[in-house]
Amino acid sequence: MKKIDLDFYQGNDVVEISRLLLGKYLVTRFDNAITGGVIVETEAYAGATDKASHAYGGRRTARTEIMYAEGGVSYVYLCYGIHHLFNVVTNKKDIPHAVLIRAIEPIEGLDVMMLRRKKDKIDFTLTSGPGAMSEALGIKTKHTGIDMTGDQIWIEDKNYTIGAEDIIAGPRVGVAYAKEDALLPYRFSIKNNKWVSRAK
C-alpha cells in the first residue's frame, strides 16, 4: 500500500491533479470497516478565478474555509440538503483549489457499501455519482478537514496508469450558473468504464 503524499496534493495545477487521480484507489476506514475502489471520475475546481467554485472571488465562509488550507485535506459539503459530496483540497495554503471525486469502481468492502446504500444487488448506481459514492464509502460532512494521509480517508497509488487515449475530458456537471466557466473541460472520466456517472 502506498498512500499518496502531501506533495502530490500541493501541486499547483488542480486540473492536472484531477486527471492524475483517475486510476488511484480511494479508501475509507470507519468503525473498523474498510471500503474502497478505483477512482473513475473527477472534477477540478480552480478556486477564486473559477465561477463554479465555492471559493470564487475569494469567498470565505464557515463551510468553505477548509478550502484555504494546505492541500491534502478533505472538503465534504451537503448538496440539496441530502448528498454529502467529497472533495480533496489541493495547492498551497490560501489557494482554494479542490477536486470533487464523482465516482469509483467499487472493489473492497462491497457488503458494507451495499448495506449503507440499502441495496441487495450490485450495479453501477452503488458508487456512481458523488452522492452515491460518499454514502457507499460512509463519508459525511463531519469528515471535512480530515488529513488525507491519515487512517480514516486516504488515496493509494497502485501503479495503475490510465493512458491519455482512455481519458475523457468534458464540462462539469450541474454548474450551469457558472456561465462560460461551466463549459471548461474540467471533468475527467475513464472511457467506457461502467461506473462513471450518467450525466443528465
N, C-alpha and C. Protein backbone atom coordinates (compact mmCIF):
# COMPACT_ATOMS: atom_id res chain seq x y z
N MET A 1 0.85 -1.19 0.00
CA MET A 1 0.00 0.00 0.00
C MET A 1 0.88 1.24 0.00
N LYS A 2 0.66 2.14 -0.94
CA LYS A 2 1.41 3.40 -0.97
C LYS A 2 0.42 4.56 -0.98
N LYS A 3 0.26 5.17 0.19
CA LYS A 3 -0.62 6.33 0.27
C LYS A 3 0.00 7.49 -0.51
N ILE A 4 -0.84 8.24 -1.20
CA ILE A 4 -0.37 9.43 -1.88
C ILE A 4 0.05 10.46 -0.83
N ASP A 5 1.21 11.06 -1.04
CA ASP A 5 1.72 12.00 -0.03
C ASP A 5 1.27 13.44 -0.31
N LEU A 6 1.59 14.30 0.62
CA LEU A 6 1.11 15.68 0.55
C LEU A 6 1.67 16.44 -0.65
N ASP A 7 2.86 16.09 -1.10
CA ASP A 7 3.46 16.78 -2.25
C ASP A 7 2.54 16.71 -3.47
N PHE A 8 1.92 15.55 -3.66
CA PHE A 8 1.01 15.38 -4.80
C PHE A 8 -0.15 16.36 -4.71
N TYR A 9 -0.79 16.42 -3.53
CA TYR A 9 -1.96 17.29 -3.35
C TYR A 9 -1.60 18.77 -3.41
N GLN A 10 -0.36 19.10 -3.08
CA GLN A 10 0.03 20.50 -3.00
C GLN A 10 0.61 21.04 -4.31
N GLY A 11 0.50 20.27 -5.38
CA GLY A 11 0.87 20.77 -6.70
C GLY A 11 -0.02 21.93 -7.10
N ASN A 12 0.45 22.76 -8.04
CA ASN A 12 -0.29 23.99 -8.33
C ASN A 12 -1.27 23.89 -9.49
N ASP A 13 -1.39 22.71 -10.12
CA ASP A 13 -2.29 22.56 -11.27
C ASP A 13 -3.44 21.62 -10.91
N VAL A 14 -4.54 22.20 -10.46
CA VAL A 14 -5.67 21.39 -9.99
C VAL A 14 -6.27 20.55 -11.11
N VAL A 15 -6.20 21.04 -12.34
CA VAL A 15 -6.75 20.29 -13.47
C VAL A 15 -5.91 19.03 -13.72
N GLU A 16 -4.60 19.18 -13.66
CA GLU A 16 -3.70 18.04 -13.83
C GLU A 16 -3.87 17.03 -12.69
N ILE A 17 -4.00 17.53 -11.46
CA ILE A 17 -4.19 16.63 -10.31
C ILE A 17 -5.50 15.85 -10.48
N SER A 18 -6.54 16.54 -10.93
CA SER A 18 -7.83 15.89 -11.15
C SER A 18 -7.70 14.74 -12.15
N ARG A 19 -6.95 14.99 -13.21
CA ARG A 19 -6.75 13.96 -14.23
C ARG A 19 -5.90 12.81 -13.68
N LEU A 20 -4.86 13.14 -12.93
CA LEU A 20 -3.96 12.12 -12.40
C LEU A 20 -4.61 11.24 -11.33
N LEU A 21 -5.69 11.73 -10.72
CA LEU A 21 -6.38 10.93 -9.70
C LEU A 21 -7.15 9.76 -10.31
N LEU A 22 -7.44 9.82 -11.61
CA LEU A 22 -8.08 8.66 -12.26
C LEU A 22 -7.17 7.45 -12.14
N GLY A 23 -7.74 6.33 -11.72
CA GLY A 23 -6.96 5.11 -11.56
C GLY A 23 -6.37 4.94 -10.18
N LYS A 24 -6.39 6.03 -9.37
CA LYS A 24 -5.94 5.90 -7.98
C LYS A 24 -7.05 5.22 -7.17
N TYR A 25 -6.72 4.82 -5.94
CA TYR A 25 -7.60 3.97 -5.14
C TYR A 25 -8.03 4.72 -3.88
N LEU A 26 -9.31 5.08 -3.80
CA LEU A 26 -9.86 5.81 -2.65
C LEU A 26 -10.35 4.83 -1.60
N VAL A 27 -9.90 5.03 -0.36
CA VAL A 27 -10.22 4.10 0.73
C VAL A 27 -10.75 4.85 1.94
N THR A 28 -11.73 4.25 2.63
CA THR A 28 -12.17 4.77 3.93
C THR A 28 -12.11 3.66 4.96
N ARG A 29 -11.83 4.07 6.19
CA ARG A 29 -11.90 3.13 7.32
C ARG A 29 -12.68 3.80 8.44
N PHE A 30 -13.92 3.37 8.63
CA PHE A 30 -14.77 3.87 9.70
C PHE A 30 -15.31 2.68 10.48
N ASP A 31 -15.27 2.77 11.80
CA ASP A 31 -15.78 1.69 12.66
C ASP A 31 -15.20 0.33 12.25
N ASN A 32 -13.91 0.32 11.96
CA ASN A 32 -13.18 -0.90 11.59
C ASN A 32 -13.64 -1.52 10.26
N ALA A 33 -14.46 -0.81 9.50
CA ALA A 33 -14.88 -1.31 8.19
C ALA A 33 -14.10 -0.57 7.11
N ILE A 34 -13.42 -1.33 6.27
CA ILE A 34 -12.65 -0.74 5.18
C ILE A 34 -13.44 -0.88 3.88
N THR A 35 -13.61 0.24 3.18
CA THR A 35 -14.28 0.22 1.88
C THR A 35 -13.43 1.03 0.91
N GLY A 36 -13.48 0.66 -0.36
CA GLY A 36 -12.67 1.41 -1.31
C GLY A 36 -12.85 0.95 -2.74
N GLY A 37 -12.25 1.72 -3.65
CA GLY A 37 -12.33 1.38 -5.05
C GLY A 37 -11.51 2.33 -5.91
N VAL A 38 -11.49 2.05 -7.19
CA VAL A 38 -10.70 2.82 -8.15
C VAL A 38 -11.45 4.09 -8.55
N ILE A 39 -10.79 5.23 -8.48
CA ILE A 39 -11.40 6.50 -8.90
C ILE A 39 -11.55 6.50 -10.42
N VAL A 40 -12.78 6.69 -10.89
CA VAL A 40 -13.04 6.65 -12.33
C VAL A 40 -13.59 7.97 -12.88
N GLU A 41 -13.88 8.94 -11.99
CA GLU A 41 -14.44 10.21 -12.45
C GLU A 41 -14.13 11.31 -11.43
N THR A 42 -13.64 12.45 -11.93
CA THR A 42 -13.28 13.57 -11.07
C THR A 42 -13.69 14.89 -11.74
N GLU A 43 -13.70 15.95 -10.94
CA GLU A 43 -13.90 17.30 -11.46
C GLU A 43 -12.97 18.26 -10.74
N ALA A 44 -12.31 19.14 -11.50
CA ALA A 44 -11.43 20.15 -10.93
C ALA A 44 -12.18 21.46 -10.69
N TYR A 45 -11.86 22.12 -9.58
CA TYR A 45 -12.43 23.43 -9.25
C TYR A 45 -11.28 24.36 -8.89
N ALA A 46 -11.11 25.40 -9.72
CA ALA A 46 -9.90 26.23 -9.66
C ALA A 46 -10.07 27.50 -8.83
N GLY A 47 -10.69 27.37 -7.68
CA GLY A 47 -10.68 28.41 -6.67
C GLY A 47 -11.24 29.76 -7.06
N ALA A 48 -10.52 30.82 -6.67
CA ALA A 48 -11.03 32.19 -6.74
C ALA A 48 -11.36 32.65 -8.16
N THR A 49 -10.73 32.06 -9.18
CA THR A 49 -10.96 32.51 -10.55
C THR A 49 -12.01 31.67 -11.29
N ASP A 50 -12.54 30.65 -10.63
CA ASP A 50 -13.46 29.69 -11.26
C ASP A 50 -14.88 29.96 -10.77
N LYS A 51 -15.74 30.42 -11.68
CA LYS A 51 -17.11 30.77 -11.28
C LYS A 51 -17.89 29.58 -10.72
N ALA A 52 -17.46 28.36 -11.00
CA ALA A 52 -18.16 27.17 -10.49
C ALA A 52 -17.68 26.77 -9.09
N SER A 53 -16.62 27.40 -8.62
CA SER A 53 -16.04 27.04 -7.32
C SER A 53 -16.77 27.74 -6.18
N HIS A 54 -16.85 27.06 -5.04
CA HIS A 54 -17.43 27.66 -3.84
C HIS A 54 -16.57 28.83 -3.35
N ALA A 55 -15.32 28.88 -3.81
CA ALA A 55 -14.41 29.93 -3.36
C ALA A 55 -14.22 31.01 -4.41
N TYR A 56 -15.11 31.05 -5.40
CA TYR A 56 -14.97 32.05 -6.48
C TYR A 56 -14.95 33.46 -5.89
N GLY A 57 -14.02 34.26 -6.40
CA GLY A 57 -13.90 35.64 -5.94
C GLY A 57 -13.29 35.78 -4.56
N GLY A 58 -12.69 34.67 -4.07
CA GLY A 58 -12.09 34.70 -2.74
C GLY A 58 -13.09 34.57 -1.61
N ARG A 59 -14.28 34.05 -1.94
CA ARG A 59 -15.35 33.90 -0.94
C ARG A 59 -14.90 32.97 0.19
N ARG A 60 -15.10 33.40 1.41
CA ARG A 60 -14.75 32.58 2.58
C ARG A 60 -15.95 32.51 3.50
N THR A 61 -16.38 31.31 3.82
CA THR A 61 -17.48 31.10 4.76
C THR A 61 -17.05 30.00 5.72
N ALA A 62 -17.87 29.75 6.73
CA ALA A 62 -17.55 28.67 7.67
C ALA A 62 -17.40 27.34 6.92
N ARG A 63 -18.24 27.16 5.87
CA ARG A 63 -18.19 25.91 5.12
C ARG A 63 -16.94 25.82 4.26
N THR A 64 -16.59 26.92 3.58
CA THR A 64 -15.51 26.86 2.58
C THR A 64 -14.13 27.15 3.15
N GLU A 65 -14.05 27.54 4.40
CA GLU A 65 -12.74 27.92 4.96
C GLU A 65 -11.70 26.80 4.79
N ILE A 66 -12.14 25.55 4.87
CA ILE A 66 -11.21 24.42 4.74
C ILE A 66 -10.55 24.39 3.36
N MET A 67 -11.20 24.99 2.35
CA MET A 67 -10.60 25.03 1.01
C MET A 67 -9.33 25.86 0.97
N TYR A 68 -9.15 26.73 1.96
CA TYR A 68 -7.97 27.60 2.01
C TYR A 68 -6.82 26.97 2.80
N ALA A 69 -7.03 25.74 3.27
CA ALA A 69 -5.97 25.02 3.98
C ALA A 69 -4.93 24.52 2.98
N GLU A 70 -3.81 24.05 3.49
CA GLU A 70 -2.82 23.42 2.61
C GLU A 70 -3.42 22.17 1.99
N GLY A 71 -3.05 21.89 0.75
CA GLY A 71 -3.59 20.72 0.06
C GLY A 71 -3.32 19.43 0.82
N GLY A 72 -4.30 18.50 0.70
CA GLY A 72 -4.15 17.21 1.36
C GLY A 72 -5.13 16.98 2.49
N VAL A 73 -6.22 17.78 2.51
CA VAL A 73 -7.30 17.54 3.47
C VAL A 73 -8.61 17.39 2.70
N SER A 74 -9.60 16.84 3.38
CA SER A 74 -10.90 16.62 2.74
C SER A 74 -11.79 17.85 2.89
N TYR A 75 -12.65 18.04 1.89
CA TYR A 75 -13.70 19.05 1.95
C TYR A 75 -15.00 18.34 1.57
N VAL A 76 -15.89 18.19 2.56
CA VAL A 76 -17.15 17.49 2.33
C VAL A 76 -18.29 18.47 2.60
N TYR A 77 -19.16 18.62 1.61
CA TYR A 77 -20.27 19.55 1.79
C TYR A 77 -21.59 18.87 1.43
N LEU A 78 -22.67 19.47 1.90
CA LEU A 78 -24.00 18.93 1.67
C LEU A 78 -24.62 19.61 0.46
N CYS A 79 -25.11 18.81 -0.48
CA CYS A 79 -25.73 19.32 -1.71
C CYS A 79 -27.23 19.02 -1.66
N TYR A 80 -28.04 20.04 -1.90
CA TYR A 80 -29.51 19.90 -1.85
C TYR A 80 -30.00 19.36 -0.51
N GLY A 81 -29.20 19.53 0.53
CA GLY A 81 -29.60 19.09 1.87
C GLY A 81 -29.59 17.59 2.07
N ILE A 82 -29.11 16.83 1.08
CA ILE A 82 -29.12 15.36 1.22
C ILE A 82 -27.80 14.68 0.86
N HIS A 83 -27.15 15.14 -0.21
CA HIS A 83 -25.97 14.42 -0.71
C HIS A 83 -24.69 15.00 -0.10
N HIS A 84 -23.89 14.13 0.48
CA HIS A 84 -22.59 14.52 1.02
C HIS A 84 -21.56 14.36 -0.11
N LEU A 85 -20.95 15.45 -0.55
CA LEU A 85 -20.03 15.39 -1.67
C LEU A 85 -18.59 15.55 -1.19
N PHE A 86 -17.76 14.63 -1.62
CA PHE A 86 -16.37 14.53 -1.13
C PHE A 86 -15.38 15.13 -2.12
N ASN A 87 -14.59 16.06 -1.60
CA ASN A 87 -13.55 16.73 -2.39
C ASN A 87 -12.21 16.61 -1.67
N VAL A 88 -11.14 16.70 -2.47
CA VAL A 88 -9.80 16.78 -1.92
C VAL A 88 -9.28 18.19 -2.18
N VAL A 89 -8.85 18.88 -1.12
CA VAL A 89 -8.27 20.21 -1.25
C VAL A 89 -6.86 20.08 -1.81
N THR A 90 -6.51 20.94 -2.78
CA THR A 90 -5.18 20.89 -3.38
C THR A 90 -4.50 22.27 -3.31
N ASN A 91 -3.26 22.31 -3.76
CA ASN A 91 -2.44 23.51 -3.83
C ASN A 91 -1.96 23.94 -2.44
N LYS A 92 -1.35 25.12 -2.39
CA LYS A 92 -0.76 25.63 -1.15
C LYS A 92 -1.82 26.37 -0.33
N LYS A 93 -1.44 26.69 0.91
CA LYS A 93 -2.34 27.41 1.81
C LYS A 93 -2.82 28.71 1.15
N ASP A 94 -4.11 28.99 1.35
CA ASP A 94 -4.77 30.20 0.85
C ASP A 94 -5.04 30.20 -0.66
N ILE A 95 -4.78 29.08 -1.34
CA ILE A 95 -5.20 28.93 -2.74
C ILE A 95 -6.27 27.83 -2.75
N PRO A 96 -7.55 28.22 -2.84
CA PRO A 96 -8.64 27.27 -2.56
C PRO A 96 -9.03 26.37 -3.73
N HIS A 97 -8.10 25.56 -4.17
CA HIS A 97 -8.39 24.59 -5.23
C HIS A 97 -8.91 23.30 -4.62
N ALA A 98 -9.73 22.57 -5.37
CA ALA A 98 -10.26 21.30 -4.88
C ALA A 98 -10.66 20.41 -6.05
N VAL A 99 -10.62 19.11 -5.81
CA VAL A 99 -11.06 18.11 -6.79
C VAL A 99 -12.23 17.34 -6.19
N LEU A 100 -13.36 17.36 -6.89
CA LEU A 100 -14.53 16.57 -6.50
C LEU A 100 -14.35 15.15 -7.05
N ILE A 101 -14.47 14.16 -6.18
CA ILE A 101 -14.43 12.77 -6.64
C ILE A 101 -15.87 12.35 -6.92
N ARG A 102 -16.17 12.05 -8.19
CA ARG A 102 -17.55 11.81 -8.60
C ARG A 102 -17.96 10.34 -8.63
N ALA A 103 -17.00 9.43 -8.79
CA ALA A 103 -17.38 8.01 -8.88
C ALA A 103 -16.16 7.13 -8.68
N ILE A 104 -16.39 5.95 -8.11
CA ILE A 104 -15.35 4.93 -8.02
C ILE A 104 -15.90 3.60 -8.56
N GLU A 105 -14.99 2.76 -8.97
CA GLU A 105 -15.34 1.37 -9.28
C GLU A 105 -15.13 0.60 -7.98
N PRO A 106 -16.20 0.09 -7.35
CA PRO A 106 -16.08 -0.49 -6.01
C PRO A 106 -15.30 -1.81 -6.03
N ILE A 107 -14.37 -1.94 -5.10
CA ILE A 107 -13.52 -3.13 -5.04
C ILE A 107 -13.58 -3.81 -3.68
N GLU A 108 -13.44 -3.00 -2.63
CA GLU A 108 -13.25 -3.55 -1.28
C GLU A 108 -14.42 -3.18 -0.37
N GLY A 109 -14.87 -4.14 0.43
CA GLY A 109 -15.96 -3.87 1.37
C GLY A 109 -17.31 -3.73 0.71
N LEU A 110 -17.54 -4.54 -0.32
CA LEU A 110 -18.79 -4.43 -1.08
C LEU A 110 -20.02 -4.64 -0.20
N ASP A 111 -19.93 -5.58 0.73
CA ASP A 111 -21.08 -5.86 1.60
C ASP A 111 -21.44 -4.65 2.46
N VAL A 112 -20.40 -3.94 2.94
CA VAL A 112 -20.63 -2.74 3.76
C VAL A 112 -21.23 -1.64 2.89
N MET A 113 -20.71 -1.47 1.69
CA MET A 113 -21.25 -0.45 0.78
C MET A 113 -22.71 -0.71 0.46
N MET A 114 -23.05 -1.95 0.19
CA MET A 114 -24.43 -2.29 -0.15
C MET A 114 -25.37 -2.03 1.03
N LEU A 115 -24.88 -2.32 2.22
CA LEU A 115 -25.68 -2.05 3.43
C LEU A 115 -25.92 -0.55 3.59
N ARG A 116 -24.87 0.24 3.40
CA ARG A 116 -25.01 1.70 3.53
C ARG A 116 -25.95 2.28 2.48
N ARG A 117 -25.95 1.67 1.29
CA ARG A 117 -26.77 2.16 0.19
C ARG A 117 -28.13 1.47 0.13
N LYS A 118 -28.36 0.55 1.08
CA LYS A 118 -29.65 -0.18 1.15
C LYS A 118 -29.94 -0.89 -0.17
N LYS A 119 -28.95 -1.61 -0.67
CA LYS A 119 -29.09 -2.35 -1.92
C LYS A 119 -28.93 -3.84 -1.68
N ASP A 120 -29.63 -4.64 -2.50
CA ASP A 120 -29.47 -6.08 -2.37
C ASP A 120 -28.73 -6.69 -3.55
N LYS A 121 -28.35 -5.84 -4.53
CA LYS A 121 -27.51 -6.33 -5.63
C LYS A 121 -26.60 -5.19 -6.09
N ILE A 122 -25.48 -5.58 -6.69
CA ILE A 122 -24.51 -4.59 -7.13
C ILE A 122 -24.80 -4.17 -8.56
N ASP A 123 -24.94 -2.86 -8.75
CA ASP A 123 -24.99 -2.32 -10.11
C ASP A 123 -24.30 -0.97 -10.09
N PHE A 124 -24.24 -0.28 -11.24
CA PHE A 124 -23.45 0.95 -11.33
C PHE A 124 -23.91 2.03 -10.37
N THR A 125 -25.17 1.98 -9.93
CA THR A 125 -25.67 3.04 -9.06
C THR A 125 -25.09 2.97 -7.64
N LEU A 126 -24.38 1.89 -7.33
CA LEU A 126 -23.81 1.73 -5.99
C LEU A 126 -22.84 2.88 -5.66
N THR A 127 -21.96 3.20 -6.60
CA THR A 127 -20.93 4.21 -6.33
C THR A 127 -20.76 5.19 -7.49
N SER A 128 -21.79 5.31 -8.32
CA SER A 128 -21.73 6.19 -9.48
C SER A 128 -22.44 7.49 -9.16
N GLY A 129 -21.72 8.59 -9.24
CA GLY A 129 -22.25 9.89 -8.83
C GLY A 129 -21.72 10.22 -7.44
N PRO A 130 -21.39 11.48 -7.18
CA PRO A 130 -20.70 11.82 -5.93
C PRO A 130 -21.49 11.58 -4.66
N GLY A 131 -22.82 11.76 -4.71
CA GLY A 131 -23.62 11.49 -3.52
C GLY A 131 -23.67 10.02 -3.18
N ALA A 132 -23.91 9.20 -4.20
CA ALA A 132 -23.95 7.74 -4.01
C ALA A 132 -22.60 7.22 -3.54
N MET A 133 -21.53 7.72 -4.14
CA MET A 133 -20.20 7.27 -3.77
C MET A 133 -19.89 7.57 -2.31
N SER A 134 -20.17 8.80 -1.88
CA SER A 134 -19.90 9.16 -0.49
C SER A 134 -20.71 8.31 0.48
N GLU A 135 -21.97 8.08 0.14
CA GLU A 135 -22.82 7.24 1.00
C GLU A 135 -22.25 5.83 1.10
N ALA A 136 -21.84 5.26 -0.02
CA ALA A 136 -21.28 3.90 -0.02
C ALA A 136 -20.01 3.82 0.81
N LEU A 137 -19.21 4.88 0.76
CA LEU A 137 -17.94 4.89 1.49
C LEU A 137 -18.08 5.37 2.94
N GLY A 138 -19.29 5.80 3.32
CA GLY A 138 -19.53 6.25 4.69
C GLY A 138 -19.06 7.66 4.97
N ILE A 139 -18.81 8.45 3.90
CA ILE A 139 -18.29 9.81 4.06
C ILE A 139 -19.43 10.80 4.28
N LYS A 140 -19.30 11.61 5.34
CA LYS A 140 -20.31 12.62 5.66
C LYS A 140 -19.64 13.97 5.90
N THR A 141 -20.45 15.01 6.03
CA THR A 141 -19.88 16.35 6.22
C THR A 141 -19.00 16.42 7.48
N LYS A 142 -19.26 15.58 8.46
CA LYS A 142 -18.43 15.60 9.68
C LYS A 142 -16.99 15.19 9.39
N HIS A 143 -16.77 14.62 8.20
CA HIS A 143 -15.41 14.20 7.83
C HIS A 143 -14.66 15.28 7.06
N THR A 144 -15.20 16.49 6.98
CA THR A 144 -14.47 17.57 6.33
C THR A 144 -13.25 17.93 7.18
N GLY A 145 -12.15 18.25 6.52
CA GLY A 145 -10.93 18.64 7.24
C GLY A 145 -10.02 17.48 7.62
N ILE A 146 -10.38 16.26 7.23
CA ILE A 146 -9.55 15.10 7.57
C ILE A 146 -8.26 15.10 6.75
N ASP A 147 -7.17 14.75 7.41
CA ASP A 147 -5.86 14.62 6.76
C ASP A 147 -5.89 13.41 5.83
N MET A 148 -5.64 13.65 4.54
CA MET A 148 -5.72 12.58 3.55
C MET A 148 -4.54 11.60 3.61
N THR A 149 -3.61 11.84 4.53
CA THR A 149 -2.54 10.86 4.73
C THR A 149 -2.75 10.08 6.03
N GLY A 150 -3.91 10.27 6.66
CA GLY A 150 -4.23 9.60 7.91
C GLY A 150 -4.85 8.23 7.69
N ASP A 151 -5.62 7.77 8.68
CA ASP A 151 -6.13 6.39 8.62
C ASP A 151 -7.65 6.31 8.55
N GLN A 152 -8.32 7.42 8.18
CA GLN A 152 -9.77 7.39 8.00
C GLN A 152 -10.18 7.46 6.54
N ILE A 153 -9.60 8.42 5.82
CA ILE A 153 -9.83 8.56 4.36
C ILE A 153 -8.45 8.78 3.73
N TRP A 154 -8.13 7.99 2.73
CA TRP A 154 -6.86 8.20 2.03
C TRP A 154 -6.97 7.69 0.61
N ILE A 155 -5.98 8.07 -0.20
CA ILE A 155 -5.91 7.62 -1.59
C ILE A 155 -4.58 6.93 -1.80
N GLU A 156 -4.63 5.76 -2.41
CA GLU A 156 -3.42 4.97 -2.67
C GLU A 156 -3.07 5.01 -4.15
N ASP A 157 -1.78 4.90 -4.41
CA ASP A 157 -1.28 4.74 -5.78
C ASP A 157 -0.88 3.28 -5.95
N LYS A 158 -1.60 2.57 -6.79
CA LYS A 158 -1.31 1.15 -7.03
C LYS A 158 -0.62 0.95 -8.38
N ASN A 159 0.02 2.04 -8.85
CA ASN A 159 0.76 1.99 -10.13
C ASN A 159 -0.12 1.55 -11.29
N TYR A 160 -1.38 1.98 -11.25
CA TYR A 160 -2.31 1.68 -12.33
C TYR A 160 -2.44 2.95 -13.16
N THR A 161 -1.79 2.97 -14.31
CA THR A 161 -1.75 4.18 -15.13
C THR A 161 -2.83 4.14 -16.21
N ILE A 162 -3.56 5.22 -16.34
CA ILE A 162 -4.57 5.34 -17.39
C ILE A 162 -3.94 6.10 -18.56
N GLY A 163 -3.94 5.50 -19.72
CA GLY A 163 -3.38 6.16 -20.90
C GLY A 163 -4.23 7.35 -21.32
N ALA A 164 -3.58 8.34 -21.94
CA ALA A 164 -4.29 9.56 -22.37
C ALA A 164 -5.46 9.24 -23.28
N GLU A 165 -5.32 8.18 -24.08
CA GLU A 165 -6.39 7.81 -25.01
C GLU A 165 -7.61 7.24 -24.30
N ASP A 166 -7.46 6.89 -23.02
CA ASP A 166 -8.57 6.31 -22.25
C ASP A 166 -9.18 7.31 -21.27
N ILE A 167 -8.81 8.57 -21.38
CA ILE A 167 -9.35 9.61 -20.51
C ILE A 167 -10.25 10.54 -21.33
N ILE A 168 -11.46 10.75 -20.83
CA ILE A 168 -12.40 11.67 -21.48
C ILE A 168 -12.45 12.95 -20.65
N ALA A 169 -12.27 14.09 -21.31
CA ALA A 169 -12.40 15.39 -20.65
C ALA A 169 -13.63 16.09 -21.20
N GLY A 170 -14.41 16.69 -20.32
CA GLY A 170 -15.61 17.39 -20.75
C GLY A 170 -16.05 18.38 -19.70
N PRO A 171 -17.18 19.07 -19.92
CA PRO A 171 -17.66 20.06 -18.95
C PRO A 171 -18.17 19.40 -17.67
N ARG A 172 -18.11 20.15 -16.59
CA ARG A 172 -18.57 19.64 -15.30
C ARG A 172 -20.09 19.54 -15.25
N VAL A 173 -20.57 18.82 -14.25
CA VAL A 173 -22.00 18.52 -14.14
C VAL A 173 -22.67 19.49 -13.17
N GLY A 174 -23.82 20.03 -13.56
CA GLY A 174 -24.65 20.80 -12.63
C GLY A 174 -24.11 22.16 -12.24
N VAL A 175 -23.31 22.78 -13.13
CA VAL A 175 -22.75 24.09 -12.79
C VAL A 175 -23.12 25.15 -13.84
N ALA A 176 -24.30 25.03 -14.39
CA ALA A 176 -24.74 25.97 -15.43
C ALA A 176 -24.66 27.43 -14.97
N TYR A 177 -24.83 27.66 -13.65
CA TYR A 177 -24.78 29.02 -13.11
C TYR A 177 -23.41 29.66 -13.34
N ALA A 178 -22.39 28.87 -13.64
CA ALA A 178 -21.03 29.39 -13.82
C ALA A 178 -20.80 29.99 -15.20
N LYS A 179 -21.86 30.00 -16.02
CA LYS A 179 -21.81 30.62 -17.35
C LYS A 179 -20.65 30.06 -18.17
N GLU A 180 -19.75 30.92 -18.65
CA GLU A 180 -18.70 30.41 -19.54
C GLU A 180 -17.80 29.38 -18.85
N ASP A 181 -17.64 29.50 -17.53
CA ASP A 181 -16.79 28.53 -16.81
C ASP A 181 -17.44 27.14 -16.74
N ALA A 182 -18.75 27.09 -16.95
CA ALA A 182 -19.43 25.79 -16.96
C ALA A 182 -18.98 24.95 -18.15
N LEU A 183 -18.43 25.59 -19.16
CA LEU A 183 -18.02 24.87 -20.37
C LEU A 183 -16.58 24.38 -20.32
N LEU A 184 -15.85 24.76 -19.29
CA LEU A 184 -14.45 24.33 -19.19
C LEU A 184 -14.36 22.81 -19.12
N PRO A 185 -13.37 22.20 -19.78
CA PRO A 185 -13.24 20.73 -19.79
C PRO A 185 -12.55 20.22 -18.53
N TYR A 186 -13.19 20.44 -17.38
CA TYR A 186 -12.58 20.12 -16.09
C TYR A 186 -13.12 18.83 -15.46
N ARG A 187 -13.94 18.11 -16.21
CA ARG A 187 -14.44 16.81 -15.72
C ARG A 187 -13.70 15.70 -16.46
N PHE A 188 -13.16 14.77 -15.70
CA PHE A 188 -12.38 13.69 -16.29
C PHE A 188 -12.98 12.34 -15.90
N SER A 189 -13.01 11.44 -16.86
CA SER A 189 -13.52 10.10 -16.58
C SER A 189 -12.78 9.07 -17.43
N ILE A 190 -12.85 7.81 -17.01
CA ILE A 190 -12.20 6.73 -17.74
C ILE A 190 -13.16 6.23 -18.80
N LYS A 191 -12.71 6.25 -20.03
CA LYS A 191 -13.53 5.86 -21.18
C LYS A 191 -14.09 4.45 -21.01
N ASN A 192 -15.38 4.30 -21.30
CA ASN A 192 -16.07 3.01 -21.30
C ASN A 192 -16.12 2.32 -19.94
N ASN A 193 -15.87 3.06 -18.86
CA ASN A 193 -15.99 2.46 -17.53
C ASN A 193 -17.44 2.57 -17.07
N LYS A 194 -18.04 1.46 -16.71
CA LYS A 194 -19.48 1.44 -16.41
C LYS A 194 -19.85 2.12 -15.11
N TRP A 195 -18.82 2.46 -14.29
CA TRP A 195 -19.10 3.08 -13.00
C TRP A 195 -19.12 4.60 -13.08
N VAL A 196 -18.75 5.16 -14.23
CA VAL A 196 -18.81 6.62 -14.41
C VAL A 196 -20.28 7.06 -14.36
N SER A 197 -20.53 8.21 -13.72
CA SER A 197 -21.92 8.65 -13.57
C SER A 197 -22.53 9.02 -14.90
N ARG A 198 -23.84 8.85 -15.00
CA ARG A 198 -24.58 9.22 -16.20
C ARG A 198 -24.99 10.67 -16.07
N ALA A 199 -24.27 11.57 -16.72
CA ALA A 199 -24.60 12.99 -16.63
C ALA A 199 -25.94 13.25 -17.30
N LYS A 200 -26.76 14.03 -16.62
CA LYS A 200 -28.08 14.36 -17.20
C LYS A 200 -27.92 15.41 -18.30
